[in-house]
Amino acid sequence: YHGFENEDFRTFRQEFTSYILLTGAQTENRRLELLQGVLRVPALTQYLINIIPNMNKDHDEQHTTYTVSAALDSLEEYFITDYDLQRYRDYFSTITQRYGESPQSFLGRVHQAAYDADIKNTERIESTFKAGLLPEIRKHCIKMCAMEHKDILQKAEGYWNAERQDRLS
């Protein structure tokens, strides 16, 4: 990860976390070494000049062990800008189900978009899911009087599965 404007830090964080799990790095020191090894300038500079000294200072004052999670949090604070958050929020506000995408998969994308946009309001997430469903699925849910999120998801999945079966037959 370089830290350039077009890079997505949250994607990097997820991929790096997966990498740590796959490599089986057991100690925090080893994980921090791996993090330093995958960072590139300017992210590496930010890490070495600002994050490591602050972590060492906190470690000395509070006798706490610094972790890769804390280092990633600090990098995220620095590299996720207000512009990035607004971009994530705009995407969340306009997200719609893709043709051929199951409602369950769409719900997963909605949750990921909410996470990226730092949206934690369950009602807003559920509302975005409902509004973003394919028009025919949304109409089916309305006809079936599905009001609660779990009912909407159940009816949407039922409709999608039935339509998929019809197309396969």
N, C-alpha and C. Protein backbone atom coordinates (compact mmCIF):
# COMPACT_ATOMS: atom_id res chain seq x y z
N TYR A 1 0.84 -1.18 0.00
CA TYR A 1 0.00 0.00 0.00
C TYR A 1 0.88 1.23 0.00
N HIS A 2 0.59 2.13 -0.92
CA HIS A 2 1.39 3.35 -1.06
C HIS A 2 0.81 4.54 -0.30
N GLY A 3 -0.51 4.63 -0.27
CA GLY A 3 -1.14 5.79 0.35
C GLY A 3 -1.50 6.85 -0.66
N PHE A 4 -1.53 6.47 -1.94
CA PHE A 4 -1.92 7.43 -2.97
C PHE A 4 -3.42 7.64 -2.95
N GLU A 5 -3.85 8.74 -3.55
CA GLU A 5 -5.24 9.16 -3.50
C GLU A 5 -6.21 8.13 -4.06
N ASN A 6 -5.84 7.41 -5.09
CA ASN A 6 -6.77 6.47 -5.72
C ASN A 6 -6.78 5.09 -5.06
N GLU A 7 -5.98 4.89 -4.04
CA GLU A 7 -5.92 3.59 -3.36
C GLU A 7 -6.97 3.52 -2.26
N ASP A 8 -7.47 2.33 -2.03
CA ASP A 8 -8.50 2.12 -1.02
C ASP A 8 -7.86 1.45 0.20
N PHE A 9 -7.68 2.21 1.27
CA PHE A 9 -7.01 1.68 2.45
C PHE A 9 -7.80 0.53 3.07
N ARG A 10 -9.11 0.62 3.07
CA ARG A 10 -9.91 -0.42 3.72
C ARG A 10 -9.77 -1.76 3.00
N THR A 11 -9.66 -1.71 1.69
CA THR A 11 -9.42 -2.95 0.94
C THR A 11 -8.04 -3.49 1.30
N PHE A 12 -7.06 -2.61 1.36
CA PHE A 12 -5.72 -3.04 1.78
C PHE A 12 -5.77 -3.69 3.15
N ARG A 13 -6.48 -3.08 4.08
CA ARG A 13 -6.56 -3.59 5.45
C ARG A 13 -7.16 -5.00 5.46
N GLN A 14 -8.22 -5.20 4.71
CA GLN A 14 -8.85 -6.53 4.66
C GLN A 14 -7.90 -7.56 4.05
N GLU A 15 -7.25 -7.19 2.96
CA GLU A 15 -6.32 -8.11 2.32
C GLU A 15 -5.12 -8.41 3.21
N PHE A 16 -4.61 -7.39 3.89
CA PHE A 16 -3.47 -7.60 4.79
C PHE A 16 -3.86 -8.50 5.96
N THR A 17 -5.04 -8.29 6.51
CA THR A 17 -5.52 -9.13 7.61
C THR A 17 -5.64 -10.58 7.16
N SER A 18 -6.15 -10.80 5.96
CA SER A 18 -6.23 -12.16 5.41
C SER A 18 -4.83 -12.75 5.23
N TYR A 19 -3.92 -11.93 4.74
CA TYR A 19 -2.54 -12.37 4.54
C TYR A 19 -1.92 -12.81 5.87
N ILE A 20 -2.14 -12.03 6.92
CA ILE A 20 -1.61 -12.37 8.25
C ILE A 20 -2.16 -13.73 8.70
N LEU A 21 -3.46 -13.93 8.49
CA LEU A 21 -4.07 -15.19 8.90
C LEU A 21 -3.50 -16.36 8.10
N LEU A 22 -3.29 -16.15 6.81
CA LEU A 22 -2.77 -17.22 5.95
C LEU A 22 -1.31 -17.56 6.26
N THR A 23 -0.51 -16.54 6.59
CA THR A 23 0.90 -16.80 6.87
C THR A 23 1.11 -17.38 8.26
N GLY A 24 0.11 -17.22 9.11
CA GLY A 24 0.22 -17.77 10.46
C GLY A 24 1.19 -17.02 11.34
N ALA A 25 1.40 -15.74 11.06
CA ALA A 25 2.29 -14.93 11.90
C ALA A 25 1.73 -14.90 13.31
N GLN A 26 2.47 -15.44 14.25
CA GLN A 26 1.97 -15.64 15.61
C GLN A 26 2.15 -14.44 16.52
N THR A 27 3.25 -13.72 16.38
CA THR A 27 3.53 -12.64 17.33
C THR A 27 3.19 -11.28 16.73
N GLU A 28 2.90 -10.34 17.60
CA GLU A 28 2.60 -8.98 17.14
C GLU A 28 3.84 -8.36 16.48
N ASN A 29 5.02 -8.66 17.01
CA ASN A 29 6.24 -8.12 16.40
C ASN A 29 6.37 -8.58 14.96
N ARG A 30 6.11 -9.87 14.72
CA ARG A 30 6.20 -10.40 13.35
C ARG A 30 5.14 -9.76 12.46
N ARG A 31 3.94 -9.58 12.98
CA ARG A 31 2.86 -8.95 12.21
C ARG A 31 3.22 -7.50 11.86
N LEU A 32 3.81 -6.80 12.82
CA LEU A 32 4.23 -5.42 12.57
C LEU A 32 5.36 -5.37 11.53
N GLU A 33 6.26 -6.35 11.58
CA GLU A 33 7.32 -6.43 10.57
C GLU A 33 6.72 -6.66 9.18
N LEU A 34 5.73 -7.54 9.10
CA LEU A 34 5.07 -7.79 7.82
C LEU A 34 4.37 -6.54 7.31
N LEU A 35 3.72 -5.82 8.21
CA LEU A 35 3.05 -4.58 7.82
C LEU A 35 4.07 -3.60 7.25
N GLN A 36 5.16 -3.42 7.95
CA GLN A 36 6.19 -2.50 7.48
C GLN A 36 6.73 -2.96 6.12
N GLY A 37 6.80 -4.26 5.93
CA GLY A 37 7.32 -4.80 4.67
C GLY A 37 6.41 -4.58 3.47
N VAL A 38 5.11 -4.46 3.69
CA VAL A 38 4.20 -4.28 2.55
C VAL A 38 3.85 -2.81 2.29
N LEU A 39 4.19 -1.93 3.22
CA LEU A 39 3.92 -0.51 3.01
C LEU A 39 4.97 0.09 2.08
N ARG A 40 4.54 1.02 1.25
CA ARG A 40 5.43 1.73 0.34
C ARG A 40 5.30 3.23 0.60
N VAL A 41 6.28 3.98 0.13
CA VAL A 41 6.27 5.43 0.29
C VAL A 41 5.04 5.97 -0.43
N PRO A 42 4.26 6.89 0.13
CA PRO A 42 4.40 7.65 1.36
C PRO A 42 3.81 6.99 2.60
N ALA A 43 3.07 5.89 2.44
CA ALA A 43 2.47 5.23 3.61
C ALA A 43 3.56 4.74 4.56
N LEU A 44 4.64 4.22 4.02
CA LEU A 44 5.74 3.75 4.86
C LEU A 44 6.34 4.91 5.65
N THR A 45 6.49 6.05 5.02
CA THR A 45 7.03 7.23 5.71
C THR A 45 6.12 7.63 6.87
N GLN A 46 4.82 7.68 6.61
CA GLN A 46 3.86 8.01 7.67
C GLN A 46 3.98 7.01 8.82
N TYR A 47 4.11 5.76 8.49
CA TYR A 47 4.23 4.70 9.50
C TYR A 47 5.50 4.87 10.33
N LEU A 48 6.63 5.07 9.67
CA LEU A 48 7.92 5.15 10.37
C LEU A 48 8.10 6.45 11.15
N ILE A 49 7.63 7.56 10.60
CA ILE A 49 7.88 8.86 11.23
C ILE A 49 6.84 9.21 12.29
N ASN A 50 5.59 8.84 12.08
CA ASN A 50 4.53 9.27 13.00
C ASN A 50 3.93 8.14 13.84
N ILE A 51 3.67 7.02 13.23
CA ILE A 51 2.94 5.98 13.95
C ILE A 51 3.83 5.21 14.91
N ILE A 52 4.97 4.73 14.44
CA ILE A 52 5.88 3.96 15.31
C ILE A 52 6.33 4.79 16.52
N PRO A 53 6.78 6.04 16.34
CA PRO A 53 7.17 6.82 17.53
C PRO A 53 6.02 7.02 18.52
N ASN A 54 4.81 7.27 18.02
CA ASN A 54 3.66 7.43 18.92
C ASN A 54 3.33 6.14 19.63
N MET A 55 3.45 5.02 18.93
CA MET A 55 3.19 3.73 19.57
C MET A 55 4.24 3.45 20.64
N ASN A 56 5.49 3.78 20.36
CA ASN A 56 6.56 3.59 21.35
C ASN A 56 6.33 4.48 22.57
N LYS A 57 5.90 5.72 22.32
CA LYS A 57 5.62 6.65 23.42
C LYS A 57 4.48 6.12 24.29
N ASP A 58 3.39 5.67 23.65
CA ASP A 58 2.27 5.10 24.39
C ASP A 58 2.70 3.86 25.17
N HIS A 59 3.55 3.06 24.54
CA HIS A 59 4.04 1.84 25.19
C HIS A 59 4.83 2.20 26.45
N ASP A 60 5.68 3.21 26.36
CA ASP A 60 6.49 3.61 27.51
C ASP A 60 5.65 4.22 28.63
N GLU A 61 4.66 5.04 28.26
CA GLU A 61 3.84 5.73 29.27
C GLU A 61 2.80 4.82 29.91
N GLN A 62 2.18 3.97 29.11
CA GLN A 62 1.05 3.18 29.61
C GLN A 62 1.38 1.70 29.78
N HIS A 63 2.59 1.33 29.42
CA HIS A 63 3.02 -0.07 29.52
C HIS A 63 2.09 -1.01 28.76
N THR A 64 1.64 -0.54 27.60
CA THR A 64 0.78 -1.38 26.77
C THR A 64 1.58 -1.90 25.59
N THR A 65 1.17 -3.03 25.09
CA THR A 65 1.81 -3.60 23.92
C THR A 65 1.12 -3.04 22.68
N TYR A 66 1.91 -2.57 21.74
CA TYR A 66 1.27 -2.08 20.54
C TYR A 66 1.03 -3.24 19.59
N THR A 67 -0.04 -3.09 18.83
CA THR A 67 -0.51 -4.19 17.98
C THR A 67 -0.60 -3.73 16.53
N VAL A 68 -0.65 -4.71 15.64
CA VAL A 68 -0.84 -4.40 14.23
C VAL A 68 -2.21 -3.75 14.02
N SER A 69 -3.18 -4.15 14.82
CA SER A 69 -4.51 -3.55 14.72
C SER A 69 -4.46 -2.06 15.05
N ALA A 70 -3.73 -1.70 16.10
CA ALA A 70 -3.58 -0.28 16.46
C ALA A 70 -2.84 0.48 15.36
N ALA A 71 -1.83 -0.14 14.79
CA ALA A 71 -1.08 0.50 13.70
C ALA A 71 -1.98 0.72 12.49
N LEU A 72 -2.79 -0.28 12.16
CA LEU A 72 -3.72 -0.15 11.04
C LEU A 72 -4.78 0.92 11.32
N ASP A 73 -5.24 0.99 12.57
CA ASP A 73 -6.20 2.04 12.94
C ASP A 73 -5.59 3.42 12.71
N SER A 74 -4.34 3.59 13.12
CA SER A 74 -3.66 4.88 12.94
C SER A 74 -3.48 5.21 11.46
N LEU A 75 -3.11 4.22 10.67
CA LEU A 75 -2.98 4.44 9.23
C LEU A 75 -4.33 4.80 8.61
N GLU A 76 -5.37 4.11 9.07
CA GLU A 76 -6.71 4.39 8.53
C GLU A 76 -7.15 5.81 8.87
N GLU A 77 -6.88 6.24 10.09
CA GLU A 77 -7.22 7.62 10.48
C GLU A 77 -6.54 8.63 9.56
N TYR A 78 -5.32 8.32 9.19
CA TYR A 78 -4.56 9.25 8.36
C TYR A 78 -4.98 9.19 6.89
N PHE A 79 -5.20 7.99 6.37
CA PHE A 79 -5.41 7.83 4.94
C PHE A 79 -6.87 7.82 4.48
N ILE A 80 -7.82 7.65 5.39
CA ILE A 80 -9.23 7.76 5.01
C ILE A 80 -9.64 9.20 5.26
N THR A 81 -9.79 9.94 4.18
CA THR A 81 -10.09 11.36 4.28
C THR A 81 -11.61 11.60 4.27
N ASP A 82 -11.99 12.83 4.54
CA ASP A 82 -13.41 13.20 4.45
C ASP A 82 -13.93 12.96 3.04
N TYR A 83 -13.08 13.22 2.06
CA TYR A 83 -13.46 12.99 0.66
C TYR A 83 -13.76 11.50 0.43
N ASP A 84 -12.90 10.63 0.97
CA ASP A 84 -13.13 9.19 0.84
C ASP A 84 -14.45 8.78 1.47
N LEU A 85 -14.68 9.26 2.69
CA LEU A 85 -15.94 8.93 3.38
C LEU A 85 -17.15 9.42 2.59
N GLN A 86 -17.05 10.60 2.01
CA GLN A 86 -18.17 11.11 1.20
C GLN A 86 -18.38 10.24 -0.03
N ARG A 87 -17.31 9.81 -0.64
CA ARG A 87 -17.41 8.91 -1.79
C ARG A 87 -18.08 7.60 -1.40
N TYR A 88 -17.69 7.04 -0.26
CA TYR A 88 -18.31 5.81 0.23
C TYR A 88 -19.79 6.03 0.53
N ARG A 89 -20.12 7.19 1.11
CA ARG A 89 -21.53 7.49 1.43
C ARG A 89 -22.35 7.68 0.16
N ASP A 90 -21.76 8.31 -0.85
CA ASP A 90 -22.47 8.48 -2.12
C ASP A 90 -22.74 7.12 -2.76
N TYR A 91 -21.75 6.25 -2.72
CA TYR A 91 -21.95 4.90 -3.27
C TYR A 91 -23.04 4.17 -2.50
N PHE A 92 -23.00 4.26 -1.18
CA PHE A 92 -24.01 3.60 -0.35
C PHE A 92 -25.40 4.11 -0.71
N SER A 93 -25.53 5.40 -0.92
CA SER A 93 -26.84 6.01 -1.20
C SER A 93 -27.40 5.60 -2.55
N THR A 94 -26.55 5.17 -3.47
CA THR A 94 -27.01 4.85 -4.81
C THR A 94 -26.89 3.36 -5.16
N ILE A 95 -26.55 2.55 -4.19
CA ILE A 95 -26.33 1.13 -4.46
C ILE A 95 -27.64 0.44 -4.86
N THR A 96 -27.57 -0.38 -5.89
CA THR A 96 -28.74 -1.14 -6.33
C THR A 96 -28.33 -2.58 -6.64
N GLN A 97 -29.32 -3.44 -6.60
CA GLN A 97 -29.10 -4.85 -6.89
C GLN A 97 -28.79 -5.01 -8.37
N ARG A 98 -27.83 -5.84 -8.66
CA ARG A 98 -27.46 -6.12 -10.05
C ARG A 98 -28.36 -7.22 -10.60
N TYR A 99 -28.60 -7.16 -11.89
CA TYR A 99 -29.36 -8.22 -12.53
C TYR A 99 -28.58 -9.53 -12.38
N GLY A 100 -29.23 -10.57 -11.94
CA GLY A 100 -28.58 -11.86 -11.73
C GLY A 100 -27.95 -12.02 -10.36
N GLU A 101 -28.03 -11.00 -9.53
CA GLU A 101 -27.47 -11.04 -8.18
C GLU A 101 -28.58 -11.41 -7.20
N SER A 102 -28.32 -12.36 -6.34
CA SER A 102 -29.33 -12.76 -5.36
C SER A 102 -29.52 -11.65 -4.34
N PRO A 103 -30.71 -11.57 -3.74
CA PRO A 103 -30.93 -10.58 -2.69
C PRO A 103 -29.94 -10.73 -1.53
N GLN A 104 -29.57 -11.96 -1.21
CA GLN A 104 -28.62 -12.19 -0.12
C GLN A 104 -27.25 -11.61 -0.47
N SER A 105 -26.82 -11.81 -1.71
CA SER A 105 -25.54 -11.23 -2.14
C SER A 105 -25.60 -9.71 -2.16
N PHE A 106 -26.73 -9.18 -2.61
CA PHE A 106 -26.92 -7.73 -2.61
C PHE A 106 -26.86 -7.20 -1.19
N LEU A 107 -27.50 -7.88 -0.26
CA LEU A 107 -27.46 -7.46 1.14
C LEU A 107 -26.01 -7.43 1.65
N GLY A 108 -25.22 -8.40 1.24
CA GLY A 108 -23.80 -8.40 1.62
C GLY A 108 -23.07 -7.17 1.09
N ARG A 109 -23.37 -6.79 -0.15
CA ARG A 109 -22.75 -5.58 -0.71
C ARG A 109 -23.22 -4.33 0.02
N VAL A 110 -24.51 -4.31 0.40
CA VAL A 110 -25.04 -3.16 1.15
C VAL A 110 -24.31 -3.04 2.49
N HIS A 111 -24.13 -4.17 3.17
CA HIS A 111 -23.42 -4.14 4.46
C HIS A 111 -21.97 -3.69 4.29
N GLN A 112 -21.31 -4.15 3.23
CA GLN A 112 -19.94 -3.72 2.98
C GLN A 112 -19.88 -2.23 2.69
N ALA A 113 -20.82 -1.74 1.88
CA ALA A 113 -20.87 -0.31 1.56
C ALA A 113 -21.15 0.51 2.82
N ALA A 114 -22.00 0.01 3.70
CA ALA A 114 -22.29 0.70 4.96
C ALA A 114 -21.04 0.75 5.84
N TYR A 115 -20.33 -0.36 5.90
CA TYR A 115 -19.08 -0.40 6.67
C TYR A 115 -18.08 0.62 6.12
N ASP A 116 -17.91 0.62 4.80
CA ASP A 116 -16.97 1.54 4.18
C ASP A 116 -17.35 3.00 4.44
N ALA A 117 -18.66 3.28 4.44
CA ALA A 117 -19.15 4.64 4.63
C ALA A 117 -19.29 5.01 6.11
N ASP A 118 -18.94 4.08 6.98
CA ASP A 118 -19.03 4.29 8.43
C ASP A 118 -20.48 4.56 8.85
N ILE A 119 -21.40 3.82 8.24
CA ILE A 119 -22.82 3.93 8.55
C ILE A 119 -23.19 2.74 9.43
N LYS A 120 -23.68 3.02 10.61
CA LYS A 120 -24.01 1.96 11.56
C LYS A 120 -25.50 1.86 11.85
N ASN A 121 -26.29 2.78 11.33
CA ASN A 121 -27.72 2.82 11.57
C ASN A 121 -28.41 1.67 10.84
N THR A 122 -28.92 0.70 11.59
CA THR A 122 -29.54 -0.49 11.02
C THR A 122 -30.73 -0.15 10.14
N GLU A 123 -31.55 0.79 10.59
CA GLU A 123 -32.73 1.17 9.80
C GLU A 123 -32.33 1.75 8.45
N ARG A 124 -31.28 2.53 8.44
CA ARG A 124 -30.81 3.11 7.17
C ARG A 124 -30.27 2.03 6.24
N ILE A 125 -29.56 1.07 6.80
CA ILE A 125 -29.02 -0.03 6.00
C ILE A 125 -30.16 -0.85 5.41
N GLU A 126 -31.14 -1.18 6.24
CA GLU A 126 -32.28 -1.96 5.77
C GLU A 126 -33.09 -1.20 4.73
N SER A 127 -33.25 0.10 4.92
CA SER A 127 -33.97 0.93 3.96
C SER A 127 -33.25 0.98 2.61
N THR A 128 -31.94 1.10 2.65
CA THR A 128 -31.15 1.11 1.42
C THR A 128 -31.28 -0.22 0.70
N PHE A 129 -31.28 -1.31 1.45
CA PHE A 129 -31.45 -2.63 0.85
C PHE A 129 -32.81 -2.71 0.14
N LYS A 130 -33.85 -2.33 0.84
CA LYS A 130 -35.20 -2.41 0.29
C LYS A 130 -35.33 -1.53 -0.96
N ALA A 131 -34.84 -0.31 -0.88
CA ALA A 131 -34.95 0.62 -2.01
C ALA A 131 -34.11 0.19 -3.20
N GLY A 132 -33.02 -0.54 -2.95
CA GLY A 132 -32.12 -0.92 -4.02
C GLY A 132 -32.44 -2.24 -4.69
N LEU A 133 -33.44 -2.95 -4.19
CA LEU A 133 -33.82 -4.22 -4.82
C LEU A 133 -34.27 -3.98 -6.25
N LEU A 134 -34.10 -4.99 -7.09
CA LEU A 134 -34.61 -4.90 -8.46
C LEU A 134 -36.10 -4.57 -8.41
N PRO A 135 -36.60 -3.74 -9.33
CA PRO A 135 -37.99 -3.30 -9.26
C PRO A 135 -39.01 -4.43 -9.15
N GLU A 136 -38.82 -5.51 -9.90
CA GLU A 136 -39.80 -6.61 -9.84
C GLU A 136 -39.78 -7.32 -8.48
N ILE A 137 -38.62 -7.39 -7.87
CA ILE A 137 -38.52 -8.02 -6.55
C ILE A 137 -39.13 -7.10 -5.49
N ARG A 138 -38.84 -5.81 -5.60
CA ARG A 138 -39.41 -4.85 -4.65
C ARG A 138 -40.94 -4.86 -4.74
N LYS A 139 -41.49 -4.90 -5.96
CA LYS A 139 -42.95 -4.95 -6.15
C LYS A 139 -43.52 -6.23 -5.55
N HIS A 140 -42.83 -7.34 -5.73
CA HIS A 140 -43.29 -8.61 -5.16
C HIS A 140 -43.36 -8.51 -3.63
N CYS A 141 -42.35 -7.92 -3.03
CA CYS A 141 -42.34 -7.77 -1.56
C CYS A 141 -43.50 -6.90 -1.09
N ILE A 142 -43.80 -5.85 -1.85
CA ILE A 142 -44.92 -4.98 -1.49
C ILE A 142 -46.23 -5.75 -1.61
N LYS A 143 -46.39 -6.50 -2.71
CA LYS A 143 -47.61 -7.30 -2.90
C LYS A 143 -47.79 -8.33 -1.79
N MET A 144 -46.68 -8.84 -1.28
CA MET A 144 -46.72 -9.87 -0.23
C MET A 144 -46.82 -9.23 1.16
N CYS A 145 -46.97 -7.92 1.20
CA CYS A 145 -47.11 -7.16 2.46
C CYS A 145 -45.93 -7.36 3.41
N ALA A 146 -44.75 -7.54 2.84
CA ALA A 146 -43.55 -7.68 3.67
C ALA A 146 -43.15 -6.30 4.18
N MET A 147 -43.16 -6.14 5.49
CA MET A 147 -42.84 -4.84 6.09
C MET A 147 -41.52 -4.88 6.86
N GLU A 148 -41.29 -5.95 7.57
CA GLU A 148 -40.07 -6.10 8.37
C GLU A 148 -38.92 -6.55 7.47
N HIS A 149 -37.70 -6.17 7.84
CA HIS A 149 -36.53 -6.51 7.03
C HIS A 149 -36.41 -8.01 6.79
N LYS A 150 -36.58 -8.80 7.82
CA LYS A 150 -36.42 -10.26 7.65
C LYS A 150 -37.47 -10.81 6.69
N ASP A 151 -38.69 -10.24 6.71
CA ASP A 151 -39.74 -10.67 5.79
C ASP A 151 -39.42 -10.25 4.36
N ILE A 152 -38.91 -9.03 4.22
CA ILE A 152 -38.53 -8.54 2.89
C ILE A 152 -37.44 -9.43 2.31
N LEU A 153 -36.44 -9.75 3.11
CA LEU A 153 -35.35 -10.60 2.64
C LEU A 153 -35.88 -11.98 2.27
N GLN A 154 -36.75 -12.54 3.10
CA GLN A 154 -37.31 -13.87 2.83
C GLN A 154 -38.12 -13.86 1.54
N LYS A 155 -39.00 -12.88 1.36
CA LYS A 155 -39.83 -12.81 0.15
C LYS A 155 -38.97 -12.53 -1.08
N ALA A 156 -37.98 -11.68 -0.93
CA ALA A 156 -37.09 -11.37 -2.05
C ALA A 156 -36.31 -12.61 -2.48
N GLU A 157 -35.79 -13.35 -1.51
CA GLU A 157 -35.07 -14.59 -1.83
C GLU A 157 -36.00 -15.61 -2.48
N GLY A 158 -37.21 -15.72 -1.94
CA GLY A 158 -38.19 -16.65 -2.52
C GLY A 158 -38.50 -16.31 -3.96
N TYR A 159 -38.73 -15.04 -4.24
CA TYR A 159 -39.01 -14.60 -5.61
C TYR A 159 -37.82 -14.88 -6.51
N TRP A 160 -36.63 -14.52 -6.02
CA TRP A 160 -35.43 -14.70 -6.83
C TRP A 160 -35.19 -16.18 -7.14
N ASN A 161 -35.35 -17.04 -6.14
CA ASN A 161 -35.17 -18.48 -6.35
C ASN A 161 -36.20 -19.04 -7.32
N ALA A 162 -37.46 -18.60 -7.20
CA ALA A 162 -38.51 -19.08 -8.10
C ALA A 162 -38.24 -18.64 -9.53
N GLU A 163 -37.84 -17.39 -9.71
CA GLU A 163 -37.54 -16.88 -11.05
C GLU A 163 -36.32 -17.58 -11.63
N ARG A 164 -35.34 -17.84 -10.81
CA ARG A 164 -34.14 -18.53 -11.28
C ARG A 164 -34.49 -19.95 -11.71
N GLN A 165 -35.35 -20.62 -10.95
CA GLN A 165 -35.79 -21.98 -11.31
C GLN A 165 -36.53 -21.95 -12.64
N ASP A 166 -37.41 -20.95 -12.84
CA ASP A 166 -38.14 -20.83 -14.10
C ASP A 166 -37.19 -20.65 -15.27
N ARG A 167 -36.14 -19.86 -15.08
CA ARG A 167 -35.18 -19.63 -16.16
C ARG A 167 -34.36 -20.88 -16.46
N LEU A 168 -34.11 -21.68 -15.43
CA LEU A 168 -33.34 -22.91 -15.62
C LEU A 168 -34.16 -24.01 -16.27
N SER A 169 -35.47 -23.97 -16.10
CA SER A 169 -36.35 -25.02 -16.65
C SER A 169 -36.53 -24.89 -18.13
